[in-house]
Amino acid sequence: MFTAAASLRSCASSSAKAQCRSLATSAASSTAQSSTSEPLTHYRITLRRSAISLPQNIKGTLEALGIHRRLQTVYHRHTPDIAGKILTVKELVTVENVPESAVRTKWEQRQERKAPRGYSVTGSKLQVDL
C-alpha cells in the first residue's frame, strides 16, 4: 500500500515534467504536421481567473509573466522558463500557440478594440417626398 502511494507521487511529478515538455515542444510537432502554415513560435496567455486570495508565489508568477489584470493578454516566445511559469498558473490562464505574425503589442491590441472614428448615416427621416 505504501509503495503504491509513493509511485503515484512519482508519476504525478513525472507527468508534470512530461506536460511541461509537451508545452515547450508543441510548436515543433504542430509545424511538422502542416508544412504550409507559419510555425507557431509564441504563447498567447490570457488571465481568465482572478488571483485574489491566492498565495504570493502565484501572484509573483503572474507578475513575472506581465499579467496584471483579468482578461489581459500577453505574448511570450516558446521557452522552457515561460512554460514552467504557465504550468504554475495553469488553472488561472488560457494559453494558445500562435505564429509570430499574430503577436500584437499592447498598443496594437488597444487599437483593435477601439471603435472607428467618425460616424456614418444609415438612414434619414428628413427626406422630403415631392
N, C-alpha and C. Protein backbone atom coordinates (compact mmCIF):
# COMPACT_ATOMS: atom_id res chain seq x y z
N MET A 1 0.83 -1.19 0.00
CA MET A 1 0.00 0.00 0.00
C MET A 1 0.87 1.25 0.00
N PHE A 2 1.91 1.28 0.82
CA PHE A 2 2.79 2.43 0.90
C PHE A 2 3.54 2.65 -0.41
N THR A 3 3.95 1.59 -1.05
CA THR A 3 4.69 1.72 -2.31
C THR A 3 3.80 2.24 -3.43
N ALA A 4 2.52 1.89 -3.40
CA ALA A 4 1.59 2.40 -4.42
C ALA A 4 1.42 3.91 -4.30
N ALA A 5 1.32 4.39 -3.08
CA ALA A 5 1.18 5.84 -2.87
C ALA A 5 2.45 6.56 -3.30
N ALA A 6 3.59 5.96 -3.00
CA ALA A 6 4.86 6.58 -3.39
C ALA A 6 4.99 6.60 -4.91
N SER A 7 4.56 5.54 -5.57
CA SER A 7 4.66 5.51 -7.03
C SER A 7 3.70 6.51 -7.67
N LEU A 8 2.53 6.73 -7.04
CA LEU A 8 1.59 7.72 -7.56
C LEU A 8 2.21 9.12 -7.48
N ARG A 9 2.91 9.39 -6.38
CA ARG A 9 3.56 10.68 -6.25
C ARG A 9 4.64 10.87 -7.31
N SER A 10 5.40 9.82 -7.56
CA SER A 10 6.45 9.94 -8.57
C SER A 10 5.85 10.06 -9.97
N CYS A 11 4.71 9.42 -10.23
CA CYS A 11 4.04 9.56 -11.53
C CYS A 11 3.51 10.98 -11.69
N ALA A 12 2.99 11.54 -10.60
CA ALA A 12 2.46 12.89 -10.69
C ALA A 12 3.56 13.87 -11.04
N SER A 13 4.71 13.70 -10.42
CA SER A 13 5.80 14.62 -10.73
C SER A 13 6.34 14.38 -12.13
N SER A 14 6.41 13.12 -12.56
CA SER A 14 6.91 12.85 -13.91
C SER A 14 5.90 13.28 -14.96
N SER A 15 4.60 13.20 -14.66
CA SER A 15 3.60 13.67 -15.63
C SER A 15 3.64 15.18 -15.74
N ALA A 16 3.94 15.88 -14.64
CA ALA A 16 4.08 17.34 -14.71
C ALA A 16 5.27 17.71 -15.58
N LYS A 17 6.37 16.94 -15.45
CA LYS A 17 7.53 17.20 -16.29
C LYS A 17 7.20 16.91 -17.75
N ALA A 18 6.46 15.83 -17.99
CA ALA A 18 6.09 15.49 -19.36
C ALA A 18 5.16 16.55 -19.94
N GLN A 19 4.25 17.07 -19.11
CA GLN A 19 3.35 18.12 -19.57
C GLN A 19 4.13 19.38 -19.90
N CYS A 20 5.10 19.70 -19.08
CA CYS A 20 5.95 20.87 -19.33
C CYS A 20 6.73 20.68 -20.63
N ARG A 21 7.25 19.48 -20.82
CA ARG A 21 8.00 19.18 -22.02
C ARG A 21 7.09 19.27 -23.25
N SER A 22 5.83 18.80 -23.11
CA SER A 22 4.91 18.85 -24.25
C SER A 22 4.51 20.29 -24.57
N LEU A 23 4.42 21.15 -23.54
CA LEU A 23 4.13 22.56 -23.79
C LEU A 23 5.26 23.20 -24.58
N ALA A 24 6.50 22.88 -24.20
CA ALA A 24 7.65 23.51 -24.84
C ALA A 24 7.86 23.00 -26.26
N THR A 25 7.45 21.77 -26.54
CA THR A 25 7.72 21.21 -27.86
C THR A 25 6.48 21.14 -28.73
N SER A 26 5.37 21.69 -28.28
CA SER A 26 4.15 21.60 -29.08
C SER A 26 4.26 22.36 -30.38
N ALA A 27 5.04 23.41 -30.40
CA ALA A 27 5.22 24.18 -31.63
C ALA A 27 5.95 23.35 -32.67
N ALA A 28 6.95 22.59 -32.26
CA ALA A 28 7.72 21.79 -33.20
C ALA A 28 6.86 20.68 -33.80
N SER A 29 6.02 20.04 -33.00
CA SER A 29 5.20 18.96 -33.52
C SER A 29 4.09 19.48 -34.43
N SER A 30 3.55 20.66 -34.14
CA SER A 30 2.48 21.17 -34.99
C SER A 30 3.00 21.66 -36.33
N THR A 31 4.25 22.13 -36.37
CA THR A 31 4.80 22.57 -37.64
C THR A 31 5.15 21.38 -38.51
N ALA A 32 5.45 20.25 -37.91
CA ALA A 32 5.75 19.06 -38.70
C ALA A 32 4.50 18.56 -39.41
N GLN A 33 3.33 18.76 -38.79
CA GLN A 33 2.09 18.29 -39.38
C GLN A 33 1.67 19.16 -40.56
N SER A 34 1.82 20.46 -40.46
CA SER A 34 1.39 21.34 -41.53
C SER A 34 2.57 22.18 -41.99
N SER A 35 3.15 21.80 -43.11
CA SER A 35 4.35 22.49 -43.57
C SER A 35 4.00 23.79 -44.29
N THR A 36 2.74 23.97 -44.70
CA THR A 36 2.38 25.18 -45.44
C THR A 36 2.10 26.35 -44.52
N SER A 37 1.73 26.11 -43.27
CA SER A 37 1.41 27.22 -42.37
C SER A 37 2.68 27.72 -41.69
N GLU A 38 2.55 28.90 -41.11
CA GLU A 38 3.66 29.54 -40.41
C GLU A 38 3.93 28.80 -39.09
N PRO A 39 5.19 28.68 -38.67
CA PRO A 39 5.47 27.97 -37.42
C PRO A 39 4.93 28.72 -36.21
N LEU A 40 4.44 27.96 -35.24
CA LEU A 40 3.89 28.55 -34.01
C LEU A 40 5.06 28.79 -33.06
N THR A 41 5.37 30.04 -32.81
CA THR A 41 6.57 30.36 -32.05
C THR A 41 6.28 31.08 -30.74
N HIS A 42 5.03 31.46 -30.47
CA HIS A 42 4.71 32.25 -29.29
C HIS A 42 3.50 31.66 -28.56
N TYR A 43 3.44 31.96 -27.26
CA TYR A 43 2.25 31.66 -26.45
C TYR A 43 1.42 32.93 -26.35
N ARG A 44 0.10 32.80 -26.53
CA ARG A 44 -0.83 33.89 -26.20
C ARG A 44 -1.46 33.50 -24.87
N ILE A 45 -1.15 34.27 -23.83
CA ILE A 45 -1.58 33.95 -22.47
C ILE A 45 -2.59 34.98 -22.02
N THR A 46 -3.78 34.53 -21.62
CA THR A 46 -4.85 35.42 -21.16
C THR A 46 -5.27 35.00 -19.76
N LEU A 47 -5.29 35.94 -18.83
CA LEU A 47 -5.71 35.66 -17.46
C LEU A 47 -7.23 35.59 -17.42
N ARG A 48 -7.79 34.45 -17.07
CA ARG A 48 -9.24 34.25 -17.01
C ARG A 48 -9.80 34.32 -15.60
N ARG A 49 -9.03 33.89 -14.62
CA ARG A 49 -9.49 33.89 -13.23
C ARG A 49 -8.64 34.86 -12.42
N SER A 50 -9.25 35.45 -11.43
CA SER A 50 -8.55 36.43 -10.59
C SER A 50 -7.58 35.72 -9.64
N ALA A 51 -6.54 36.44 -9.25
CA ALA A 51 -5.55 35.89 -8.32
C ALA A 51 -5.78 36.36 -6.89
N ILE A 52 -6.94 36.94 -6.62
CA ILE A 52 -7.25 37.40 -5.27
C ILE A 52 -7.28 36.20 -4.33
N SER A 53 -6.71 36.37 -3.17
CA SER A 53 -6.63 35.38 -2.08
C SER A 53 -5.84 34.13 -2.47
N LEU A 54 -4.96 34.25 -3.44
CA LEU A 54 -4.06 33.15 -3.77
C LEU A 54 -2.69 33.44 -3.16
N PRO A 55 -1.84 32.42 -3.03
CA PRO A 55 -0.53 32.63 -2.41
C PRO A 55 0.32 33.64 -3.17
N GLN A 56 1.28 34.21 -2.47
CA GLN A 56 2.12 35.25 -3.04
C GLN A 56 2.96 34.74 -4.21
N ASN A 57 3.34 33.45 -4.18
CA ASN A 57 4.15 32.94 -5.28
C ASN A 57 3.35 32.87 -6.59
N ILE A 58 2.05 32.62 -6.50
CA ILE A 58 1.21 32.62 -7.70
C ILE A 58 1.09 34.03 -8.25
N LYS A 59 0.86 34.99 -7.36
CA LYS A 59 0.77 36.39 -7.79
C LYS A 59 2.09 36.85 -8.40
N GLY A 60 3.20 36.42 -7.82
CA GLY A 60 4.51 36.77 -8.35
C GLY A 60 4.75 36.17 -9.72
N THR A 61 4.25 34.96 -9.95
CA THR A 61 4.39 34.33 -11.26
C THR A 61 3.59 35.09 -12.31
N LEU A 62 2.38 35.50 -11.96
CA LEU A 62 1.58 36.30 -12.90
C LEU A 62 2.28 37.61 -13.22
N GLU A 63 2.86 38.23 -12.21
CA GLU A 63 3.57 39.49 -12.43
C GLU A 63 4.80 39.27 -13.31
N ALA A 64 5.48 38.13 -13.11
CA ALA A 64 6.65 37.82 -13.93
C ALA A 64 6.26 37.58 -15.38
N LEU A 65 5.05 37.06 -15.60
CA LEU A 65 4.55 36.88 -16.97
C LEU A 65 4.10 38.20 -17.58
N GLY A 66 3.93 39.23 -16.76
CA GLY A 66 3.49 40.53 -17.26
C GLY A 66 2.00 40.70 -17.25
N ILE A 67 1.30 39.87 -16.48
CA ILE A 67 -0.16 39.94 -16.41
C ILE A 67 -0.54 40.62 -15.11
N HIS A 68 -1.32 41.71 -15.22
CA HIS A 68 -1.67 42.49 -14.03
C HIS A 68 -3.16 42.54 -13.76
N ARG A 69 -3.98 42.27 -14.76
CA ARG A 69 -5.43 42.35 -14.55
C ARG A 69 -6.12 41.23 -15.32
N ARG A 70 -7.34 40.97 -14.92
CA ARG A 70 -8.13 39.91 -15.53
C ARG A 70 -8.43 40.25 -16.99
N LEU A 71 -8.46 39.22 -17.84
CA LEU A 71 -8.70 39.30 -19.28
C LEU A 71 -7.60 40.03 -20.03
N GLN A 72 -6.46 40.25 -19.38
CA GLN A 72 -5.31 40.84 -20.07
C GLN A 72 -4.60 39.73 -20.84
N THR A 73 -4.12 40.06 -22.03
CA THR A 73 -3.43 39.11 -22.89
C THR A 73 -1.99 39.57 -23.11
N VAL A 74 -1.06 38.64 -22.96
CA VAL A 74 0.34 38.90 -23.24
C VAL A 74 0.87 37.81 -24.16
N TYR A 75 1.95 38.12 -24.85
CA TYR A 75 2.59 37.17 -25.76
C TYR A 75 4.01 36.92 -25.29
N HIS A 76 4.42 35.64 -25.31
CA HIS A 76 5.78 35.26 -24.94
C HIS A 76 6.28 34.21 -25.92
N ARG A 77 7.58 34.23 -26.18
CA ARG A 77 8.21 33.21 -27.03
C ARG A 77 8.16 31.86 -26.33
N HIS A 78 8.25 30.77 -27.10
CA HIS A 78 8.33 29.43 -26.53
C HIS A 78 9.70 29.23 -25.89
N THR A 79 9.74 29.22 -24.59
CA THR A 79 10.96 28.93 -23.85
C THR A 79 10.60 28.05 -22.66
N PRO A 80 11.54 27.25 -22.16
CA PRO A 80 11.23 26.38 -21.02
C PRO A 80 10.83 27.14 -19.76
N ASP A 81 11.43 28.30 -19.51
CA ASP A 81 11.07 29.03 -18.29
C ASP A 81 9.65 29.59 -18.37
N ILE A 82 9.22 30.04 -19.54
CA ILE A 82 7.84 30.52 -19.69
C ILE A 82 6.87 29.34 -19.57
N ALA A 83 7.24 28.18 -20.11
CA ALA A 83 6.38 27.00 -19.99
C ALA A 83 6.21 26.61 -18.53
N GLY A 84 7.27 26.71 -17.74
CA GLY A 84 7.17 26.41 -16.32
C GLY A 84 6.29 27.39 -15.58
N LYS A 85 6.37 28.67 -15.94
CA LYS A 85 5.51 29.68 -15.31
C LYS A 85 4.05 29.44 -15.67
N ILE A 86 3.81 29.04 -16.92
CA ILE A 86 2.43 28.74 -17.34
C ILE A 86 1.88 27.57 -16.54
N LEU A 87 2.70 26.55 -16.32
CA LEU A 87 2.24 25.40 -15.54
C LEU A 87 1.93 25.78 -14.10
N THR A 88 2.63 26.77 -13.57
CA THR A 88 2.36 27.21 -12.20
C THR A 88 0.98 27.83 -12.08
N VAL A 89 0.53 28.54 -13.11
CA VAL A 89 -0.75 29.25 -13.05
C VAL A 89 -1.76 28.69 -14.06
N LYS A 90 -1.64 27.41 -14.39
CA LYS A 90 -2.45 26.83 -15.46
C LYS A 90 -3.95 26.86 -15.17
N GLU A 91 -4.35 26.93 -13.90
CA GLU A 91 -5.77 26.98 -13.57
C GLU A 91 -6.36 28.36 -13.79
N LEU A 92 -5.52 29.37 -13.91
CA LEU A 92 -5.99 30.75 -14.00
C LEU A 92 -5.97 31.31 -15.41
N VAL A 93 -5.20 30.71 -16.31
CA VAL A 93 -4.97 31.29 -17.63
C VAL A 93 -5.42 30.35 -18.74
N THR A 94 -5.63 30.94 -19.93
CA THR A 94 -5.78 30.14 -21.14
C THR A 94 -4.58 30.43 -22.01
N VAL A 95 -4.08 29.40 -22.67
CA VAL A 95 -2.86 29.52 -23.46
C VAL A 95 -3.13 29.00 -24.86
N GLU A 96 -2.69 29.75 -25.85
CA GLU A 96 -2.78 29.33 -27.24
C GLU A 96 -1.41 29.47 -27.88
N ASN A 97 -1.08 28.57 -28.80
CA ASN A 97 0.13 28.70 -29.59
C ASN A 97 -0.21 29.51 -30.82
N VAL A 98 0.56 30.56 -31.08
CA VAL A 98 0.29 31.43 -32.23
C VAL A 98 1.59 31.67 -33.00
N PRO A 99 1.49 31.96 -34.29
CA PRO A 99 2.69 32.31 -35.06
C PRO A 99 3.15 33.72 -34.73
N GLU A 100 4.34 34.05 -35.17
CA GLU A 100 4.90 35.36 -34.86
C GLU A 100 4.10 36.49 -35.50
N SER A 101 3.43 36.22 -36.61
CA SER A 101 2.63 37.26 -37.26
C SER A 101 1.39 37.63 -36.45
N ALA A 102 0.95 36.76 -35.54
CA ALA A 102 -0.24 37.03 -34.73
C ALA A 102 0.10 37.76 -33.43
N VAL A 103 1.37 37.96 -33.15
CA VAL A 103 1.78 38.64 -31.91
C VAL A 103 1.45 40.12 -32.04
N ARG A 104 0.76 40.65 -31.03
CA ARG A 104 0.35 42.05 -31.01
C ARG A 104 0.97 42.75 -29.81
N THR A 105 1.42 43.97 -30.02
CA THR A 105 1.90 44.77 -28.90
C THR A 105 0.71 45.31 -28.13
N LYS A 106 0.99 45.90 -26.99
CA LYS A 106 -0.08 46.46 -26.17
C LYS A 106 -0.83 47.55 -26.94
N TRP A 107 -0.09 48.38 -27.66
CA TRP A 107 -0.71 49.46 -28.44
C TRP A 107 -1.57 48.89 -29.58
N GLU A 108 -1.10 47.86 -30.26
CA GLU A 108 -1.87 47.25 -31.35
C GLU A 108 -3.16 46.62 -30.83
N GLN A 109 -3.10 45.97 -29.67
CA GLN A 109 -4.30 45.40 -29.08
C GLN A 109 -5.32 46.48 -28.75
N ARG A 110 -4.83 47.62 -28.24
CA ARG A 110 -5.72 48.73 -27.91
C ARG A 110 -6.38 49.31 -29.17
N GLN A 111 -5.61 49.44 -30.24
CA GLN A 111 -6.15 49.97 -31.49
C GLN A 111 -7.20 49.05 -32.09
N GLU A 112 -7.03 47.73 -31.95
CA GLU A 112 -8.01 46.79 -32.47
C GLU A 112 -9.34 46.87 -31.72
N ARG A 113 -9.29 47.22 -30.43
CA ARG A 113 -10.51 47.31 -29.63
C ARG A 113 -11.27 48.61 -29.86
N LYS A 114 -10.58 49.64 -30.31
CA LYS A 114 -11.22 50.95 -30.47
C LYS A 114 -12.23 50.94 -31.61
N ALA A 115 -13.26 51.73 -31.44
CA ALA A 115 -14.25 51.90 -32.50
C ALA A 115 -13.67 52.81 -33.58
N PRO A 116 -14.10 52.65 -34.81
CA PRO A 116 -13.59 53.54 -35.86
C PRO A 116 -14.05 54.97 -35.60
N ARG A 117 -13.22 55.93 -35.99
CA ARG A 117 -13.55 57.33 -35.76
C ARG A 117 -14.62 57.79 -36.74
N GLY A 118 -15.37 58.80 -36.32
CA GLY A 118 -16.39 59.39 -37.18
C GLY A 118 -17.72 58.67 -37.04
N TYR A 119 -18.57 58.92 -38.01
CA TYR A 119 -19.88 58.30 -38.00
C TYR A 119 -20.31 58.08 -39.44
N SER A 120 -21.36 57.29 -39.59
CA SER A 120 -21.92 57.07 -40.91
C SER A 120 -23.44 57.15 -40.80
N VAL A 121 -24.06 57.76 -41.78
CA VAL A 121 -25.51 57.91 -41.80
C VAL A 121 -26.08 56.67 -42.44
N THR A 122 -26.92 55.97 -41.71
CA THR A 122 -27.51 54.75 -42.25
C THR A 122 -28.90 54.99 -42.82
N GLY A 123 -29.52 56.04 -42.43
CA GLY A 123 -30.86 56.38 -42.94
C GLY A 123 -31.27 57.72 -42.37
N SER A 124 -32.18 58.37 -43.02
CA SER A 124 -32.61 59.68 -42.55
C SER A 124 -34.12 59.80 -42.67
N LYS A 125 -34.75 60.38 -41.67
CA LYS A 125 -36.19 60.62 -41.71
C LYS A 125 -36.49 62.03 -42.20
N LEU A 126 -35.46 62.75 -42.59
CA LEU A 126 -35.63 64.11 -43.01
C LEU A 126 -35.83 64.24 -44.53
N GLN A 127 -35.93 63.13 -45.24
CA GLN A 127 -36.14 63.19 -46.67
C GLN A 127 -37.56 63.65 -46.97
N VAL A 128 -37.67 64.59 -47.89
CA VAL A 128 -38.97 65.16 -48.26
C VAL A 128 -39.41 64.53 -49.58
N ASP A 129 -40.62 64.00 -49.58
CA ASP A 129 -41.15 63.42 -50.81
C ASP A 129 -41.93 64.50 -51.56
N LEU A 130 -41.55 64.79 -52.79
CA LEU A 130 -42.24 65.80 -53.58
C LEU A 130 -43.01 65.19 -54.69
